[in-house]
PDB file of N, CA and C in Angstrom:
ATOM      1  N   MET A   1       0.847  -1.166   0.000  1.00  0.00           N
ATOM      2  CA  MET A   1       0.000   0.000   0.000  1.00  0.00           C
ATOM      3  C   MET A   1       0.900   1.239   0.000  1.00  0.00           C
ATOM      4  N   THR A   2       0.533   2.227  -0.769  1.00  0.00           N
ATOM      5  CA  THR A   2       1.323   3.447  -0.879  1.00  0.00           C
ATOM      6  C   THR A   2       0.860   4.466   0.146  1.00  0.00           C
ATOM      7  N   ASP A   3       1.839   5.129   0.775  1.00  0.00           N
ATOM      8  CA  ASP A   3       1.543   6.148   1.787  1.00  0.00           C
ATOM      9  C   ASP A   3       1.669   7.525   1.147  1.00  0.00           C
ATOM     10  N   PHE A   4       0.557   8.259   1.059  1.00  0.00           N
ATOM     11  CA  PHE A   4       0.552   9.595   0.465  1.00  0.00           C
ATOM     12  C   PHE A   4       0.529  10.706   1.517  1.00  0.00           C
ATOM     13  N   THR A   5       0.657  10.365   2.779  1.00  0.00           N
ATOM     14  CA  THR A   5       0.534  11.375   3.823  1.00  0.00           C
ATOM     15  C   THR A   5       1.678  12.378   3.831  1.00  0.00           C
ATOM     16  N   ASN A   6       2.841  12.000   3.324  1.00  0.00           N
ATOM     17  CA  ASN A   6       3.989  12.905   3.313  1.00  0.00           C
ATOM     18  C   ASN A   6       4.226  13.548   1.956  1.00  0.00           C
ATOM     19  N   ASP A   7       3.331  13.329   1.024  1.00  0.00           N
ATOM     20  CA  ASP A   7       3.469  13.897  -0.312  1.00  0.00           C
ATOM     21  C   ASP A   7       2.975  15.337  -0.292  1.00  0.00           C
ATOM     22  N   ALA A   8       3.869  16.279  -0.545  1.00  0.00           N
ATOM     23  CA  ALA A   8       3.514  17.707  -0.478  1.00  0.00           C
ATOM     24  C   ALA A   8       2.749  18.179  -1.708  1.00  0.00           C
ATOM     25  N   SER A   9       2.734  17.426  -2.777  1.00  0.00           N
ATOM     26  CA  SER A   9       2.090  17.884  -4.008  1.00  0.00           C
ATOM     27  C   SER A   9       0.564  17.960  -3.884  1.00  0.00           C
ATOM     28  N   TRP A  10      -0.027  17.175  -3.014  1.00  0.00           N
ATOM     29  CA  TRP A  10      -1.482  17.191  -2.869  1.00  0.00           C
ATOM     30  C   TRP A  10      -1.975  18.464  -2.216  1.00  0.00           C
ATOM     31  N   SER A  11      -1.111  19.129  -1.457  1.00  0.00           N
ATOM     32  CA  SER A  11      -1.551  20.335  -0.762  1.00  0.00           C
ATOM     33  C   SER A  11      -1.367  21.603  -1.593  1.00  0.00           C
ATOM     34  N   ALA A  12      -0.702  21.506  -2.720  1.00  0.00           N
ATOM     35  CA  ALA A  12      -0.507  22.683  -3.568  1.00  0.00           C
ATOM     36  C   ALA A  12      -1.826  23.081  -4.196  1.00  0.00           C
ATOM     37  N   GLN A  13      -2.016  24.378  -4.402  1.00  0.00           N
ATOM     38  CA  GLN A  13      -3.272  24.877  -4.955  1.00  0.00           C
ATOM     39  C   GLN A  13      -3.131  25.167  -6.441  1.00  0.00           C
ATOM     40  N   ASP A  14      -2.433  24.334  -7.157  1.00  0.00           N
ATOM     41  CA  ASP A  14      -2.252  24.479  -8.596  1.00  0.00           C
ATOM     42  C   ASP A  14      -1.658  25.825  -8.969  1.00  0.00           C
ATOM     43  N   GLY A  15      -0.823  26.373  -8.128  1.00  0.00           N
ATOM     44  CA  GLY A  15      -0.140  27.614  -8.438  1.00  0.00           C
ATOM     45  C   GLY A  15      -0.959  28.866  -8.199  1.00  0.00           C
ATOM     46  N   LYS A  16      -2.168  28.756  -7.707  1.00  0.00           N
ATOM     47  CA  LYS A  16      -3.010  29.928  -7.460  1.00  0.00           C
ATOM     48  C   LYS A  16      -2.763  30.440  -6.050  1.00  0.00           C
ATOM     49  N   SER A  17      -2.628  31.709  -5.917  1.00  0.00           N
ATOM     50  CA  SER A  17      -2.510  32.291  -4.587  1.00  0.00           C
ATOM     51  C   SER A  17      -3.900  32.524  -4.013  1.00  0.00           C
ATOM     52  N   ALA A  18      -3.942  32.794  -2.732  1.00  0.00           N
ATOM     53  CA  ALA A  18      -5.235  33.029  -2.082  1.00  0.00           C
ATOM     54  C   ALA A  18      -5.908  34.287  -2.626  1.00  0.00           C
ATOM     55  N   SER A  19      -5.117  35.310  -2.951  1.00  0.00           N
ATOM     56  CA  SER A  19      -5.718  36.539  -3.459  1.00  0.00           C
ATOM     57  C   SER A  19      -6.261  36.354  -4.870  1.00  0.00           C
ATOM     58  N   ALA A  20      -5.600  35.523  -5.677  1.00  0.00           N
ATOM     59  CA  ALA A  20      -6.107  35.264  -7.032  1.00  0.00           C
ATOM     60  C   ALA A  20      -7.427  34.515  -6.970  1.00  0.00           C
ATOM     61  N   THR A  21      -7.508  33.552  -6.069  1.00  0.00           N
ATOM     62  CA  THR A  21      -8.750  32.808  -5.901  1.00  0.00           C
ATOM     63  C   THR A  21      -9.851  33.720  -5.369  1.00  0.00           C
ATOM     64  N   SER A  22      -9.500  34.588  -4.436  1.00  0.00           N
ATOM     65  CA  SER A  22     -10.471  35.515  -3.872  1.00  0.00           C
ATOM     66  C   SER A  22     -10.982  36.490  -4.932  1.00  0.00           C
ATOM     67  N   THR A  23     -10.084  36.979  -5.762  1.00  0.00           N
ATOM     68  CA  THR A  23     -10.484  37.888  -6.831  1.00  0.00           C
ATOM     69  C   THR A  23     -11.384  37.169  -7.832  1.00  0.00           C
ATOM     70  N   GLU A  24     -11.023  35.941  -8.168  1.00  0.00           N
ATOM     71  CA  GLU A  24     -11.838  35.171  -9.102  1.00  0.00           C
ATOM     72  C   GLU A  24     -13.228  34.905  -8.511  1.00  0.00           C
ATOM     73  N   TYR A  25     -13.274  34.603  -7.224  1.00  0.00           N
ATOM     74  CA  TYR A  25     -14.559  34.382  -6.543  1.00  0.00           C
ATOM     75  C   TYR A  25     -15.425  35.640  -6.603  1.00  0.00           C
ATOM     76  N   LYS A  26     -14.811  36.792  -6.340  1.00  0.00           N
ATOM     77  CA  LYS A  26     -15.554  38.050  -6.359  1.00  0.00           C
ATOM     78  C   LYS A  26     -16.075  38.378  -7.751  1.00  0.00           C
ATOM     79  N   VAL A  27     -15.295  38.068  -8.778  1.00  0.00           N
ATOM     80  CA  VAL A  27     -15.735  38.317 -10.155  1.00  0.00           C
ATOM     81  C   VAL A  27     -16.939  37.440 -10.485  1.00  0.00           C
ATOM     82  N   TYR A  28     -16.848  36.151 -10.168  1.00  0.00           N
ATOM     83  CA  TYR A  28     -17.965  35.248 -10.429  1.00  0.00           C
ATOM     84  C   TYR A  28     -19.194  35.650  -9.614  1.00  0.00           C
ATOM     85  N   PHE A  29     -18.982  36.024  -8.349  1.00  0.00           N
ATOM     86  CA  PHE A  29     -20.086  36.451  -7.500  1.00  0.00           C
ATOM     87  C   PHE A  29     -20.790  37.662  -8.107  1.00  0.00           C
ATOM     88  N   SER A  30     -20.009  38.626  -8.578  1.00  0.00           N
ATOM     89  CA  SER A  30     -20.582  39.843  -9.169  1.00  0.00           C
ATOM     90  C   SER A  30     -21.366  39.529 -10.437  1.00  0.00           C
ATOM     91  N   LEU A  31     -20.818  38.667 -11.278  1.00  0.00           N
ATOM     92  CA  LEU A  31     -21.517  38.304 -12.512  1.00  0.00           C
ATOM     93  C   LEU A  31     -22.830  37.582 -12.223  1.00  0.00           C
ATOM     94  N   ILE A  32     -22.805  36.675 -11.267  1.00  0.00           N
ATOM     95  CA  ILE A  32     -24.025  35.948 -10.912  1.00  0.00           C
ATOM     96  C   ILE A  32     -25.040  36.891 -10.284  1.00  0.00           C
ATOM     97  N   LEU A  33     -24.565  37.814  -9.451  1.00  0.00           N
ATOM     98  CA  LEU A  33     -25.461  38.803  -8.843  1.00  0.00           C
ATOM     99  C   LEU A  33     -26.122  39.663  -9.908  1.00  0.00           C
ATOM    100  N   LEU A  34     -25.351  40.115 -10.874  1.00  0.00           N
ATOM    101  CA  LEU A  34     -25.907  40.946 -11.948  1.00  0.00           C
ATOM    102  C   LEU A  34     -26.883  40.162 -12.822  1.00  0.00           C
ATOM    103  N   ALA A  35     -26.634  38.886 -13.004  1.00  0.00           N
ATOM    104  CA  ALA A  35     -27.552  38.061 -13.795  1.00  0.00           C
ATOM    105  C   ALA A  35     -28.831  37.754 -13.025  1.00  0.00           C
ATOM    106  N   ALA A  36     -28.718  37.584 -11.715  1.00  0.00           N
ATOM    107  CA  ALA A  36     -29.882  37.224 -10.897  1.00  0.00           C
ATOM    108  C   ALA A  36     -30.764  38.420 -10.569  1.00  0.00           C
ATOM    109  N   LEU A  37     -30.200  39.611 -10.568  1.00  0.00           N
ATOM    110  CA  LEU A  37     -30.958  40.792 -10.148  1.00  0.00           C
ATOM    111  C   LEU A  37     -32.202  41.071 -11.009  1.00  0.00           C
ATOM    112  N   PRO A  38     -32.115  41.076 -12.334  1.00  0.00           N
ATOM    113  CA  PRO A  38     -33.345  41.325 -13.112  1.00  0.00           C
ATOM    114  C   PRO A  38     -34.403  40.234 -12.924  1.00  0.00           C
ATOM    115  N   ILE A  39     -33.961  39.000 -12.816  1.00  0.00           N
ATOM    116  CA  ILE A  39     -34.901  37.893 -12.631  1.00  0.00           C
ATOM    117  C   ILE A  39     -35.588  38.009 -11.274  1.00  0.00           C
ATOM    118  N   CYS A  40     -34.809  38.286 -10.243  1.00  0.00           N
ATOM    119  CA  CYS A  40     -35.380  38.434  -8.902  1.00  0.00           C
ATOM    120  C   CYS A  40     -36.296  39.652  -8.811  1.00  0.00           C
ATOM    121  N   THR A  41     -35.977  40.703  -9.559  1.00  0.00           N
ATOM    122  CA  THR A  41     -36.838  41.883  -9.581  1.00  0.00           C
ATOM    123  C   THR A  41     -38.183  41.559 -10.220  1.00  0.00           C
ATOM    124  N   LEU A  42     -38.163  40.818 -11.316  1.00  0.00           N
ATOM    125  CA  LEU A  42     -39.417  40.411 -11.957  1.00  0.00           C
ATOM    126  C   LEU A  42     -40.249  39.505 -11.052  1.00  0.00           C
ATOM    127  N   ILE A  43     -39.603  38.563 -10.403  1.00  0.00           N
ATOM    128  CA  ILE A  43     -40.316  37.666  -9.492  1.00  0.00           C
ATOM    129  C   ILE A  43     -40.891  38.451  -8.316  1.00  0.00           C
ATOM    130  N   TRP A  44     -40.115  39.394  -7.792  1.00  0.00           N
ATOM    131  CA  TRP A  44     -40.575  40.225  -6.675  1.00  0.00           C
ATOM    132  C   TRP A  44     -41.793  41.063  -7.091  1.00  0.00           C
ATOM    133  N   ALA A  45     -41.724  41.676  -8.284  1.00  0.00           N
ATOM    134  CA  ALA A  45     -42.840  42.504  -8.763  1.00  0.00           C
ATOM    135  C   ALA A  45     -44.087  41.646  -8.989  1.00  0.00           C
ATOM    136  N   PHE A  46     -43.918  40.485  -9.587  1.00  0.00           N
ATOM    137  CA  PHE A  46     -45.052  39.591  -9.817  1.00  0.00           C
ATOM    138  C   PHE A  46     -45.664  39.149  -8.492  1.00  0.00           C
ATOM    139  N   SER A  47     -44.822  38.817  -7.536  1.00  0.00           N
ATOM    140  CA  SER A  47     -45.309  38.388  -6.231  1.00  0.00           C
ATOM    141  C   SER A  47     -46.023  39.518  -5.500  1.00  0.00           C
ATOM    142  N   THR A  48     -45.511  40.743  -5.647  1.00  0.00           N
ATOM    143  CA  THR A  48     -46.140  41.902  -5.003  1.00  0.00           C
ATOM    144  C   THR A  48     -47.526  42.158  -5.582  1.00  0.00           C
ATOM    145  N   VAL A  49     -47.641  42.081  -6.900  1.00  0.00           N
ATOM    146  CA  VAL A  49     -48.940  42.316  -7.546  1.00  0.00           C
ATOM    147  C   VAL A  49     -49.909  41.184  -7.231  1.00  0.00           C
ATOM    148  N   ARG A  50     -49.422  39.970  -7.251  1.00  0.00           N
ATOM    149  CA  ARG A  50     -50.294  38.818  -7.051  1.00  0.00           C
ATOM    150  C   ARG A  50     -50.809  38.737  -5.615  1.00  0.00           C
ATOM    151  N   ASN A  51     -49.938  38.989  -4.647  1.00  0.00           N
ATOM    152  CA  ASN A  51     -50.326  38.835  -3.243  1.00  0.00           C
ATOM    153  C   ASN A  51     -50.755  40.146  -2.588  1.00  0.00           C
ATOM    154  N   VAL A  52     -50.620  41.256  -3.281  1.00  0.00           N
ATOM    155  CA  VAL A  52     -50.953  42.589  -2.783  1.00  0.00           C
ATOM    156  C   VAL A  52     -50.260  42.850  -1.437  1.00  0.00           C
ATOM    157  N   ALA A  53     -49.033  42.360  -1.329  1.00  0.00           N
ATOM    158  CA  ALA A  53     -48.214  42.588  -0.136  1.00  0.00           C
ATOM    159  C   ALA A  53     -46.750  42.432  -0.532  1.00  0.00           C
ATOM    160  N   LEU A  54     -45.892  43.097   0.205  1.00  0.00           N
ATOM    161  CA  LEU A  54     -44.469  42.984  -0.086  1.00  0.00           C
ATOM    162  C   LEU A  54     -43.921  41.659   0.427  1.00  0.00           C
ATOM    163  N   PRO A  55     -43.109  40.972  -0.378  1.00  0.00           N
ATOM    164  CA  PRO A  55     -42.466  39.742   0.099  1.00  0.00           C
ATOM    165  C   PRO A  55     -41.465  40.044   1.217  1.00  0.00           C
ATOM    166  N   GLU A  56     -41.037  39.002   1.919  1.00  0.00           N
ATOM    167  CA  GLU A  56     -40.097  39.172   3.028  1.00  0.00           C
ATOM    168  C   GLU A  56     -38.786  39.797   2.562  1.00  0.00           C
ATOM    169  N   GLN A  57     -38.242  39.286   1.470  1.00  0.00           N
ATOM    170  CA  GLN A  57     -36.975  39.786   0.946  1.00  0.00           C
ATOM    171  C   GLN A  57     -37.227  40.658  -0.274  1.00  0.00           C
ATOM    172  N   GLY A  58     -36.458  41.726  -0.363  1.00  0.00           N
ATOM    173  CA  GLY A  58     -36.527  42.562  -1.550  1.00  0.00           C
ATOM    174  C   GLY A  58     -35.743  41.916  -2.681  1.00  0.00           C
ATOM    175  N   PRO A  59     -35.801  42.492  -3.866  1.00  0.00           N
ATOM    176  CA  PRO A  59     -35.120  41.868  -5.005  1.00  0.00           C
ATOM    177  C   PRO A  59     -33.600  41.832  -4.860  1.00  0.00           C
ATOM    178  N   LEU A  60     -33.009  42.856  -4.281  1.00  0.00           N
ATOM    179  CA  LEU A  60     -31.558  42.869  -4.119  1.00  0.00           C
ATOM    180  C   LEU A  60     -31.118  41.818  -3.105  1.00  0.00           C
ATOM    181  N   ARG A  61     -31.841  41.704  -2.013  1.00  0.00           N
ATOM    182  CA  ARG A  61     -31.495  40.704  -0.994  1.00  0.00           C
ATOM    183  C   ARG A  61     -31.658  39.291  -1.532  1.00  0.00           C
ATOM    184  N   LYS A  62     -32.697  39.058  -2.325  1.00  0.00           N
ATOM    185  CA  LYS A  62     -32.923  37.738  -2.914  1.00  0.00           C
ATOM    186  C   LYS A  62     -31.833  37.405  -3.929  1.00  0.00           C
ATOM    187  N   ALA A  63     -31.437  38.370  -4.752  1.00  0.00           N
ATOM    188  CA  ALA A  63     -30.372  38.147  -5.730  1.00  0.00           C
ATOM    189  C   ALA A  63     -29.044  37.889  -5.021  1.00  0.00           C
ATOM    190  N   TRP A  64     -28.795  38.630  -3.932  1.00  0.00           N
ATOM    191  CA  TRP A  64     -27.571  38.430  -3.150  1.00  0.00           C
ATOM    192  C   TRP A  64     -27.545  37.010  -2.575  1.00  0.00           C
ATOM    193  N   SER A  65     -28.691  36.568  -2.075  1.00  0.00           N
ATOM    194  CA  SER A  65     -28.798  35.222  -1.521  1.00  0.00           C
ATOM    195  C   SER A  65     -28.565  34.154  -2.586  1.00  0.00           C
ATOM    196  N   GLU A  66     -29.118  34.367  -3.758  1.00  0.00           N
ATOM    197  CA  GLU A  66     -28.918  33.429  -4.865  1.00  0.00           C
ATOM    198  C   GLU A  66     -27.447  33.359  -5.267  1.00  0.00           C
ATOM    199  N   ALA A  67     -26.807  34.513  -5.412  1.00  0.00           N
ATOM    200  CA  ALA A  67     -25.390  34.542  -5.789  1.00  0.00           C
ATOM    201  C   ALA A  67     -24.531  33.904  -4.704  1.00  0.00           C
ATOM    202  N   HIS A  68     -24.916  34.121  -3.450  1.00  0.00           N
ATOM    203  CA  HIS A  68     -24.164  33.561  -2.336  1.00  0.00           C
ATOM    204  C   HIS A  68     -24.283  32.040  -2.269  1.00  0.00           C
ATOM    205  N   SER A  69     -25.365  31.489  -2.768  1.00  0.00           N
ATOM    206  CA  SER A  69     -25.525  30.033  -2.759  1.00  0.00           C
ATOM    207  C   SER A  69     -24.976  29.368  -4.019  1.00  0.00           C
ATOM    208  N   ILE A  70     -24.959  30.078  -5.147  1.00  0.00           N
ATOM    209  CA  ILE A  70     -24.498  29.492  -6.408  1.00  0.00           C
ATOM    210  C   ILE A  70     -22.984  29.560  -6.565  1.00  0.00           C
ATOM    211  N   THR A  71     -22.367  30.669  -6.199  1.00  0.00           N
ATOM    212  CA  THR A  71     -20.935  30.860  -6.436  1.00  0.00           C
ATOM    213  C   THR A  71     -20.063  29.790  -5.779  1.00  0.00           C
ATOM    214  N   PRO A  72     -20.283  29.395  -4.537  1.00  0.00           N
ATOM    215  CA  PRO A  72     -19.424  28.345  -3.968  1.00  0.00           C
ATOM    216  C   PRO A  72     -19.544  27.012  -4.704  1.00  0.00           C
ATOM    217  N   ARG A  73     -20.677  26.764  -5.300  1.00  0.00           N
ATOM    218  CA  ARG A  73     -20.845  25.509  -6.054  1.00  0.00           C
ATOM    219  C   ARG A  73     -19.927  25.469  -7.257  1.00  0.00           C
ATOM    220  N   ILE A  74     -19.587  26.600  -7.815  1.00  0.00           N
ATOM    221  CA  ILE A  74     -18.669  26.649  -8.957  1.00  0.00           C
ATOM    222  C   ILE A  74     -17.261  26.258  -8.521  1.00  0.00           C
ATOM    223  N   PHE A  75     -16.846  26.736  -7.364  1.00  0.00           N
ATOM    224  CA  PHE A  75     -15.489  26.513  -6.911  1.00  0.00           C
ATOM    225  C   PHE A  75     -15.297  25.194  -6.162  1.00  0.00           C
ATOM    226  N   TRP A  76     -16.270  24.825  -5.336  1.00  0.00           N
ATOM    227  CA  TRP A  76     -16.081  23.668  -4.474  1.00  0.00           C
ATOM    228  C   TRP A  76     -17.080  22.551  -4.731  1.00  0.00           C
ATOM    229  N   GLY A  77     -17.883  22.698  -5.761  1.00  0.00           N
ATOM    230  CA  GLY A  77     -18.921  21.693  -6.021  1.00  0.00           C
ATOM    231  C   GLY A  77     -18.512  20.748  -7.034  1.00  0.00           C
TER     232      GLY A  77
END
């Protein structure tokens, strides 16, 4: 049986620094947020008209929540 516990190559991050990964995450997060915002605004407006009441979350908060749940799936999913 081969012992890989002392192999340092598995811990390398493919040459990416933490700041590069963070910047890439922020770019993807921003793009997803911008894509989700119009859709969430339409859903919010439809829900407001249909129920004659404001939903719990506004369109920006809902889009932020969507981007916050989708972006990690790109990197770690």
